[in-house]
Amino acid sequence: MTLEEGDDAPTVTAPNQDGDERTLAFEEPTVLYFYPKDDTPGCTVEANQFQRERESYADAGVEVYGVSRDDADSHESFCQQEGLEFDLLADPDAEIADAFGVELRDSGVTARTTFVLADGEVKAVYENVDPDGHARDVLMDALDDGLVTLPE
């Protein structure tokens, strides 16, 4: 079952596209988005839009991480090809997906699901995400809900 708003966020550790281990406890505002597969049309749209909004997220003090079951080498290639400057976490055994209760599709890929996290808990969950416009929508919702603020 997918984690819900108000649930404690699990601490997770996984390699990023450079093979560097990242341990996340989600104390600081973070967007963690699960996507099916590197270098596919919808996933490319979503990643590029998070990249385009990267500065706005940074201005609001929000870290962004993408997660899929692809390995670090696949993530590295995808980041280089698309010019992505945020971390993609490798989750080949679906350990992070399991920790968040993200559904695995019949093909073994994760369902497109996004979590907004802060203070060690889930602040918002988006399931069955339409990748086009999602990055902007999540940021606007977080601002509207007072989860983050932009500097004046």
N, C-alpha and C. Protein backbone atom coordinates (compact mmCIF):
# COMPACT_ATOMS: atom_id res chain seq x y z
N MET A 1 0.84 -1.18 0.00
CA MET A 1 0.00 0.00 0.00
C MET A 1 0.88 1.25 0.00
N THR A 2 0.57 2.19 -0.87
CA THR A 2 1.35 3.41 -1.00
C THR A 2 1.29 4.23 0.28
N LEU A 3 2.45 4.77 0.68
CA LEU A 3 2.46 5.67 1.83
C LEU A 3 1.52 6.83 1.57
N GLU A 4 0.95 7.36 2.64
CA GLU A 4 -0.02 8.44 2.52
C GLU A 4 0.48 9.67 3.26
N GLU A 5 -0.17 10.79 3.00
CA GLU A 5 0.15 12.03 3.68
C GLU A 5 0.10 11.80 5.19
N GLY A 6 1.15 12.26 5.89
CA GLY A 6 1.24 12.11 7.34
C GLY A 6 2.05 10.90 7.78
N ASP A 7 2.28 9.94 6.88
CA ASP A 7 3.10 8.77 7.22
C ASP A 7 4.56 9.17 7.39
N ASP A 8 5.26 8.43 8.25
CA ASP A 8 6.70 8.63 8.38
C ASP A 8 7.39 8.23 7.09
N ALA A 9 8.37 9.01 6.67
CA ALA A 9 9.15 8.69 5.48
C ALA A 9 10.25 7.72 5.86
N PRO A 10 10.44 6.67 5.09
CA PRO A 10 11.55 5.76 5.38
C PRO A 10 12.88 6.40 5.00
N THR A 11 13.93 6.02 5.67
CA THR A 11 15.27 6.40 5.26
C THR A 11 15.72 5.41 4.20
N VAL A 12 16.24 5.92 3.09
CA VAL A 12 16.64 5.04 1.99
C VAL A 12 18.07 5.36 1.56
N THR A 13 18.73 4.36 1.03
CA THR A 13 20.09 4.51 0.49
C THR A 13 20.13 3.84 -0.87
N ALA A 14 20.68 4.57 -1.84
CA ALA A 14 20.80 4.02 -3.20
C ALA A 14 21.88 4.79 -3.95
N PRO A 15 22.47 4.15 -4.98
CA PRO A 15 23.44 4.87 -5.79
C PRO A 15 22.75 5.80 -6.78
N ASN A 16 23.40 6.93 -7.03
CA ASN A 16 22.91 7.85 -8.06
C ASN A 16 23.56 7.49 -9.40
N GLN A 17 23.37 8.34 -10.38
CA GLN A 17 23.89 8.09 -11.73
C GLN A 17 25.41 8.03 -11.79
N ASP A 18 26.08 8.58 -10.79
CA ASP A 18 27.54 8.54 -10.74
C ASP A 18 28.07 7.37 -9.91
N GLY A 19 27.15 6.56 -9.38
CA GLY A 19 27.54 5.45 -8.54
C GLY A 19 27.79 5.86 -7.10
N ASP A 20 27.53 7.12 -6.75
CA ASP A 20 27.71 7.61 -5.38
C ASP A 20 26.48 7.26 -4.55
N GLU A 21 26.70 6.67 -3.38
CA GLU A 21 25.59 6.31 -2.49
C GLU A 21 24.96 7.57 -1.90
N ARG A 22 23.66 7.63 -1.95
CA ARG A 22 22.91 8.71 -1.33
C ARG A 22 22.02 8.11 -0.26
N THR A 23 22.07 8.67 0.94
CA THR A 23 21.16 8.26 2.01
C THR A 23 20.25 9.44 2.29
N LEU A 24 18.96 9.19 2.19
CA LEU A 24 17.97 10.25 2.34
C LEU A 24 17.04 9.93 3.50
N ALA A 25 16.94 10.87 4.44
CA ALA A 25 16.02 10.73 5.57
C ALA A 25 14.84 11.68 5.43
N PHE A 26 14.89 12.56 4.42
CA PHE A 26 13.78 13.45 4.07
C PHE A 26 13.43 14.43 5.17
N GLU A 27 14.45 14.94 5.87
CA GLU A 27 14.21 16.00 6.85
C GLU A 27 14.00 17.33 6.13
N GLU A 28 14.76 17.58 5.09
CA GLU A 28 14.62 18.81 4.30
C GLU A 28 13.56 18.58 3.22
N PRO A 29 12.91 19.63 2.73
CA PRO A 29 11.91 19.45 1.68
C PRO A 29 12.49 18.75 0.45
N THR A 30 11.81 17.71 0.03
CA THR A 30 12.29 16.87 -1.06
C THR A 30 11.12 16.39 -1.91
N VAL A 31 11.35 16.36 -3.21
CA VAL A 31 10.43 15.69 -4.13
C VAL A 31 11.12 14.43 -4.60
N LEU A 32 10.46 13.30 -4.40
CA LEU A 32 10.96 12.00 -4.83
C LEU A 32 9.95 11.47 -5.84
N TYR A 33 10.37 11.41 -7.10
CA TYR A 33 9.42 10.94 -8.11
C TYR A 33 9.88 9.61 -8.70
N PHE A 34 8.96 8.66 -8.72
CA PHE A 34 9.20 7.35 -9.29
C PHE A 34 8.70 7.36 -10.73
N TYR A 35 9.50 6.81 -11.62
CA TYR A 35 9.13 6.77 -13.03
C TYR A 35 9.49 5.39 -13.59
N PRO A 36 8.83 4.98 -14.67
CA PRO A 36 9.03 3.61 -15.17
C PRO A 36 10.42 3.29 -15.71
N LYS A 37 10.94 4.10 -16.63
CA LYS A 37 12.15 3.67 -17.33
C LYS A 37 12.87 4.84 -17.98
N ASP A 38 14.21 4.81 -17.89
CA ASP A 38 15.02 5.82 -18.56
C ASP A 38 14.78 5.80 -20.06
N ASP A 39 14.90 6.99 -20.65
CA ASP A 39 14.93 7.13 -22.11
C ASP A 39 13.68 6.61 -22.80
N THR A 40 12.53 6.77 -22.15
CA THR A 40 11.25 6.48 -22.79
C THR A 40 10.50 7.81 -22.90
N PRO A 41 9.52 7.91 -23.80
CA PRO A 41 8.93 9.23 -24.08
C PRO A 41 8.37 9.96 -22.86
N GLY A 42 7.48 9.35 -22.09
CA GLY A 42 6.89 10.03 -20.95
C GLY A 42 7.91 10.35 -19.87
N CYS A 43 8.82 9.43 -19.64
CA CYS A 43 9.84 9.63 -18.61
C CYS A 43 10.81 10.74 -19.00
N THR A 44 11.08 10.86 -20.29
CA THR A 44 11.95 11.93 -20.78
C THR A 44 11.27 13.28 -20.61
N VAL A 45 9.98 13.37 -20.94
CA VAL A 45 9.22 14.61 -20.74
C VAL A 45 9.26 15.00 -19.26
N GLU A 46 8.97 14.05 -18.38
CA GLU A 46 8.93 14.34 -16.95
C GLU A 46 10.29 14.81 -16.44
N ALA A 47 11.35 14.09 -16.80
CA ALA A 47 12.70 14.45 -16.35
C ALA A 47 13.11 15.83 -16.86
N ASN A 48 12.83 16.10 -18.13
CA ASN A 48 13.19 17.40 -18.70
C ASN A 48 12.43 18.53 -18.02
N GLN A 49 11.18 18.29 -17.64
CA GLN A 49 10.42 19.34 -16.97
C GLN A 49 10.90 19.56 -15.53
N PHE A 50 11.31 18.48 -14.84
CA PHE A 50 11.92 18.68 -13.52
C PHE A 50 13.24 19.45 -13.68
N GLN A 51 13.99 19.15 -14.73
CA GLN A 51 15.23 19.89 -14.98
C GLN A 51 14.93 21.36 -15.25
N ARG A 52 13.92 21.65 -16.06
CA ARG A 52 13.56 23.02 -16.38
C ARG A 52 13.14 23.79 -15.12
N GLU A 53 12.49 23.11 -14.18
CA GLU A 53 12.03 23.75 -12.93
C GLU A 53 13.07 23.68 -11.82
N ARG A 54 14.23 23.12 -12.11
CA ARG A 54 15.25 22.87 -11.08
C ARG A 54 15.61 24.12 -10.28
N GLU A 55 15.79 25.23 -10.97
CA GLU A 55 16.17 26.46 -10.27
C GLU A 55 15.06 26.93 -9.34
N SER A 56 13.81 26.83 -9.78
CA SER A 56 12.68 27.22 -8.93
C SER A 56 12.60 26.33 -7.70
N TYR A 57 12.82 25.01 -7.90
CA TYR A 57 12.83 24.11 -6.75
C TYR A 57 13.97 24.48 -5.80
N ALA A 58 15.15 24.75 -6.36
CA ALA A 58 16.30 25.12 -5.51
C ALA A 58 16.02 26.42 -4.75
N ASP A 59 15.40 27.39 -5.43
CA ASP A 59 15.07 28.66 -4.77
C ASP A 59 14.12 28.44 -3.59
N ALA A 60 13.25 27.43 -3.72
CA ALA A 60 12.29 27.12 -2.64
C ALA A 60 12.90 26.18 -1.60
N GLY A 61 14.18 25.78 -1.81
CA GLY A 61 14.85 24.90 -0.85
C GLY A 61 14.44 23.45 -0.96
N VAL A 62 14.03 23.03 -2.15
CA VAL A 62 13.55 21.66 -2.36
C VAL A 62 14.54 20.89 -3.22
N GLU A 63 14.94 19.71 -2.74
CA GLU A 63 15.76 18.79 -3.52
C GLU A 63 14.83 17.92 -4.36
N VAL A 64 15.27 17.53 -5.55
CA VAL A 64 14.50 16.65 -6.42
C VAL A 64 15.34 15.42 -6.73
N TYR A 65 14.71 14.24 -6.60
CA TYR A 65 15.33 12.97 -6.95
C TYR A 65 14.35 12.16 -7.78
N GLY A 66 14.85 11.57 -8.86
CA GLY A 66 14.07 10.61 -9.63
C GLY A 66 14.50 9.21 -9.25
N VAL A 67 13.57 8.25 -9.31
CA VAL A 67 13.87 6.86 -8.96
C VAL A 67 13.23 5.94 -9.99
N SER A 68 14.02 5.02 -10.50
CA SER A 68 13.47 3.94 -11.34
C SER A 68 14.27 2.68 -11.07
N ARG A 69 13.82 1.58 -11.66
CA ARG A 69 14.51 0.31 -11.46
C ARG A 69 15.73 0.16 -12.36
N ASP A 70 16.00 1.17 -13.17
CA ASP A 70 17.20 1.15 -14.01
C ASP A 70 18.44 1.22 -13.12
N ASP A 71 19.57 0.72 -13.65
CA ASP A 71 20.81 0.76 -12.88
C ASP A 71 21.51 2.11 -13.05
N ALA A 72 22.58 2.31 -12.29
CA ALA A 72 23.31 3.58 -12.29
C ALA A 72 23.87 3.91 -13.67
N ASP A 73 24.33 2.90 -14.42
CA ASP A 73 24.86 3.15 -15.76
C ASP A 73 23.79 3.69 -16.70
N SER A 74 22.59 3.12 -16.62
CA SER A 74 21.49 3.61 -17.44
C SER A 74 21.15 5.05 -17.05
N HIS A 75 21.13 5.33 -15.74
CA HIS A 75 20.85 6.69 -15.27
C HIS A 75 21.92 7.67 -15.76
N GLU A 76 23.18 7.24 -15.72
CA GLU A 76 24.26 8.11 -16.17
C GLU A 76 24.08 8.48 -17.64
N SER A 77 23.77 7.51 -18.46
CA SER A 77 23.56 7.75 -19.88
C SER A 77 22.37 8.69 -20.10
N PHE A 78 21.28 8.44 -19.38
CA PHE A 78 20.07 9.26 -19.49
C PHE A 78 20.36 10.70 -19.07
N CYS A 79 21.08 10.88 -17.97
CA CYS A 79 21.43 12.23 -17.50
C CYS A 79 22.29 12.96 -18.53
N GLN A 80 23.27 12.27 -19.08
CA GLN A 80 24.14 12.90 -20.07
C GLN A 80 23.37 13.27 -21.32
N GLN A 81 22.54 12.34 -21.79
CA GLN A 81 21.77 12.56 -23.02
C GLN A 81 20.81 13.73 -22.87
N GLU A 82 20.17 13.86 -21.70
CA GLU A 82 19.13 14.87 -21.49
C GLU A 82 19.62 16.12 -20.74
N GLY A 83 20.88 16.12 -20.30
CA GLY A 83 21.41 17.27 -19.57
C GLY A 83 20.79 17.44 -18.19
N LEU A 84 20.49 16.32 -17.53
CA LEU A 84 19.88 16.36 -16.21
C LEU A 84 20.93 16.66 -15.15
N GLU A 85 20.62 17.58 -14.26
CA GLU A 85 21.57 18.00 -13.23
C GLU A 85 21.09 17.67 -11.82
N PHE A 86 20.13 16.77 -11.70
CA PHE A 86 19.68 16.30 -10.39
C PHE A 86 19.89 14.80 -10.35
N ASP A 87 19.88 14.24 -9.14
CA ASP A 87 20.18 12.82 -8.98
C ASP A 87 19.03 11.92 -9.39
N LEU A 88 19.39 10.86 -10.12
CA LEU A 88 18.49 9.75 -10.38
C LEU A 88 19.01 8.58 -9.56
N LEU A 89 18.16 7.99 -8.75
CA LEU A 89 18.56 6.90 -7.87
C LEU A 89 18.23 5.56 -8.51
N ALA A 90 19.20 4.66 -8.46
CA ALA A 90 19.03 3.32 -9.03
C ALA A 90 18.34 2.42 -7.99
N ASP A 91 17.27 1.77 -8.41
CA ASP A 91 16.48 0.90 -7.53
C ASP A 91 16.17 -0.42 -8.24
N PRO A 92 17.21 -1.13 -8.71
CA PRO A 92 16.96 -2.33 -9.52
C PRO A 92 16.20 -3.43 -8.80
N ASP A 93 16.33 -3.52 -7.48
CA ASP A 93 15.63 -4.55 -6.71
C ASP A 93 14.32 -4.03 -6.10
N ALA A 94 13.93 -2.82 -6.47
CA ALA A 94 12.69 -2.20 -6.02
C ALA A 94 12.61 -2.02 -4.51
N GLU A 95 13.76 -1.87 -3.85
CA GLU A 95 13.77 -1.69 -2.40
C GLU A 95 13.17 -0.34 -2.00
N ILE A 96 13.50 0.72 -2.76
CA ILE A 96 12.93 2.03 -2.44
C ILE A 96 11.44 2.04 -2.77
N ALA A 97 11.09 1.47 -3.92
CA ALA A 97 9.67 1.38 -4.30
C ALA A 97 8.89 0.64 -3.23
N ASP A 98 9.43 -0.46 -2.73
CA ASP A 98 8.75 -1.23 -1.67
C ASP A 98 8.60 -0.39 -0.40
N ALA A 99 9.66 0.34 -0.04
CA ALA A 99 9.62 1.15 1.19
C ALA A 99 8.53 2.22 1.12
N PHE A 100 8.25 2.71 -0.08
CA PHE A 100 7.21 3.73 -0.26
C PHE A 100 5.87 3.14 -0.69
N GLY A 101 5.85 1.83 -0.90
CA GLY A 101 4.60 1.18 -1.31
C GLY A 101 4.20 1.49 -2.73
N VAL A 102 5.17 1.81 -3.57
CA VAL A 102 4.87 2.14 -4.97
C VAL A 102 4.61 0.85 -5.73
N GLU A 103 3.52 0.86 -6.46
CA GLU A 103 3.10 -0.32 -7.23
C GLU A 103 4.09 -0.65 -8.34
N LEU A 104 4.32 -1.95 -8.51
CA LEU A 104 5.10 -2.42 -9.66
C LEU A 104 4.11 -2.92 -10.70
N ARG A 105 4.27 -2.45 -11.92
CA ARG A 105 3.40 -2.88 -13.02
C ARG A 105 3.77 -4.29 -13.45
N ASP A 106 2.92 -4.90 -14.27
CA ASP A 106 3.17 -6.27 -14.74
C ASP A 106 4.52 -6.42 -15.41
N SER A 107 5.00 -5.35 -16.06
CA SER A 107 6.29 -5.39 -16.74
C SER A 107 7.46 -5.22 -15.77
N GLY A 108 7.16 -5.02 -14.48
CA GLY A 108 8.20 -4.88 -13.47
C GLY A 108 8.67 -3.46 -13.24
N VAL A 109 8.10 -2.49 -13.97
CA VAL A 109 8.50 -1.10 -13.76
C VAL A 109 7.60 -0.46 -12.70
N THR A 110 8.11 0.60 -12.09
CA THR A 110 7.32 1.27 -11.05
C THR A 110 6.22 2.12 -11.68
N ALA A 111 5.11 2.22 -10.97
CA ALA A 111 4.05 3.13 -11.37
C ALA A 111 4.55 4.56 -11.17
N ARG A 112 4.12 5.45 -12.02
CA ARG A 112 4.54 6.85 -11.93
C ARG A 112 3.87 7.47 -10.70
N THR A 113 4.68 7.70 -9.66
CA THR A 113 4.20 8.18 -8.36
C THR A 113 5.19 9.20 -7.82
N THR A 114 4.69 10.28 -7.24
CA THR A 114 5.56 11.33 -6.69
C THR A 114 5.19 11.59 -5.24
N PHE A 115 6.24 11.79 -4.44
CA PHE A 115 6.07 12.12 -3.02
C PHE A 115 6.73 13.46 -2.74
N VAL A 116 6.05 14.28 -1.96
CA VAL A 116 6.65 15.49 -1.40
C VAL A 116 6.89 15.16 0.08
N LEU A 117 8.13 15.34 0.51
CA LEU A 117 8.53 14.93 1.86
C LEU A 117 9.25 16.07 2.56
N ALA A 118 9.10 16.14 3.87
CA ALA A 118 9.83 17.10 4.70
C ALA A 118 9.63 16.71 6.15
N ASP A 119 10.57 17.09 7.00
CA ASP A 119 10.48 16.80 8.43
C ASP A 119 10.30 15.31 8.69
N GLY A 120 10.85 14.47 7.80
CA GLY A 120 10.78 13.03 8.00
C GLY A 120 9.42 12.41 7.74
N GLU A 121 8.53 13.15 7.06
CA GLU A 121 7.20 12.59 6.79
C GLU A 121 6.72 12.93 5.38
N VAL A 122 5.73 12.18 4.97
CA VAL A 122 5.10 12.39 3.67
C VAL A 122 4.15 13.58 3.79
N LYS A 123 4.34 14.57 2.94
CA LYS A 123 3.50 15.77 2.94
C LYS A 123 2.43 15.70 1.85
N ALA A 124 2.75 15.04 0.73
CA ALA A 124 1.79 14.91 -0.38
C ALA A 124 2.18 13.71 -1.24
N VAL A 125 1.17 13.11 -1.87
CA VAL A 125 1.38 11.96 -2.75
C VAL A 125 0.61 12.20 -4.04
N TYR A 126 1.26 11.93 -5.15
CA TYR A 126 0.63 12.02 -6.48
C TYR A 126 0.76 10.64 -7.13
N GLU A 127 -0.38 10.03 -7.46
CA GLU A 127 -0.36 8.73 -8.12
C GLU A 127 -0.91 8.86 -9.54
N ASN A 128 -0.55 7.90 -10.38
CA ASN A 128 -1.01 7.88 -11.78
C ASN A 128 -0.76 9.23 -12.45
N VAL A 129 0.46 9.68 -12.33
CA VAL A 129 0.88 11.00 -12.78
C VAL A 129 0.91 11.09 -14.30
N ASP A 130 0.41 12.22 -14.82
CA ASP A 130 0.61 12.59 -16.22
C ASP A 130 1.93 13.37 -16.24
N PRO A 131 2.94 12.88 -16.95
CA PRO A 131 4.25 13.52 -16.86
C PRO A 131 4.31 14.95 -17.37
N ASP A 132 3.46 15.29 -18.34
CA ASP A 132 3.51 16.63 -18.92
C ASP A 132 2.88 17.64 -17.96
N GLY A 133 3.69 18.55 -17.45
CA GLY A 133 3.23 19.58 -16.54
C GLY A 133 3.33 19.21 -15.07
N HIS A 134 3.69 17.97 -14.79
CA HIS A 134 3.71 17.49 -13.41
C HIS A 134 4.72 18.24 -12.54
N ALA A 135 5.92 18.46 -13.04
CA ALA A 135 6.96 19.12 -12.23
C ALA A 135 6.49 20.50 -11.77
N ARG A 136 5.86 21.24 -12.64
CA ARG A 136 5.37 22.58 -12.29
C ARG A 136 4.20 22.47 -11.31
N ASP A 137 3.29 21.51 -11.55
CA ASP A 137 2.14 21.33 -10.66
C ASP A 137 2.57 21.01 -9.23
N VAL A 138 3.54 20.13 -9.08
CA VAL A 138 4.01 19.75 -7.74
C VAL A 138 4.59 20.97 -7.02
N LEU A 139 5.40 21.75 -7.72
CA LEU A 139 5.98 22.94 -7.11
C LEU A 139 4.90 23.94 -6.72
N MET A 140 3.95 24.18 -7.60
CA MET A 140 2.87 25.13 -7.30
C MET A 140 2.03 24.66 -6.12
N ASP A 141 1.73 23.37 -6.07
CA ASP A 141 0.97 22.82 -4.93
C ASP A 141 1.74 22.99 -3.63
N ALA A 142 3.04 22.72 -3.66
CA ALA A 142 3.86 22.85 -2.44
C ALA A 142 3.89 24.31 -1.98
N LEU A 143 3.97 25.22 -2.91
CA LEU A 143 3.94 26.65 -2.56
C LEU A 143 2.56 27.03 -2.01
N ASP A 144 1.50 26.62 -2.71
CA ASP A 144 0.14 26.95 -2.29
C ASP A 144 -0.20 26.38 -0.91
N ASP A 145 0.32 25.18 -0.63
CA ASP A 145 0.05 24.53 0.65
C ASP A 145 0.97 25.02 1.78
N GLY A 146 1.89 25.90 1.44
CA GLY A 146 2.81 26.45 2.44
C GLY A 146 3.89 25.48 2.87
N LEU A 147 4.09 24.40 2.08
CA LEU A 147 5.15 23.44 2.43
C LEU A 147 6.53 24.03 2.17
N VAL A 148 6.61 24.93 1.20
CA VAL A 148 7.85 25.62 0.87
C VAL A 148 7.50 27.06 0.50
N THR A 149 8.49 27.92 0.52
CA THR A 149 8.29 29.31 0.12
C THR A 149 9.44 29.75 -0.76
N LEU A 150 9.16 30.67 -1.64
CA LEU A 150 10.20 31.27 -2.47
C LEU A 150 10.73 32.49 -1.74
N PRO A 151 12.04 32.77 -1.87
CA PRO A 151 12.58 33.96 -1.23
C PRO A 151 12.00 35.23 -1.88
N GLU A 152 11.90 36.26 -1.09
CA GLU A 152 11.33 37.52 -1.60
C GLU A 152 12.33 38.28 -2.41
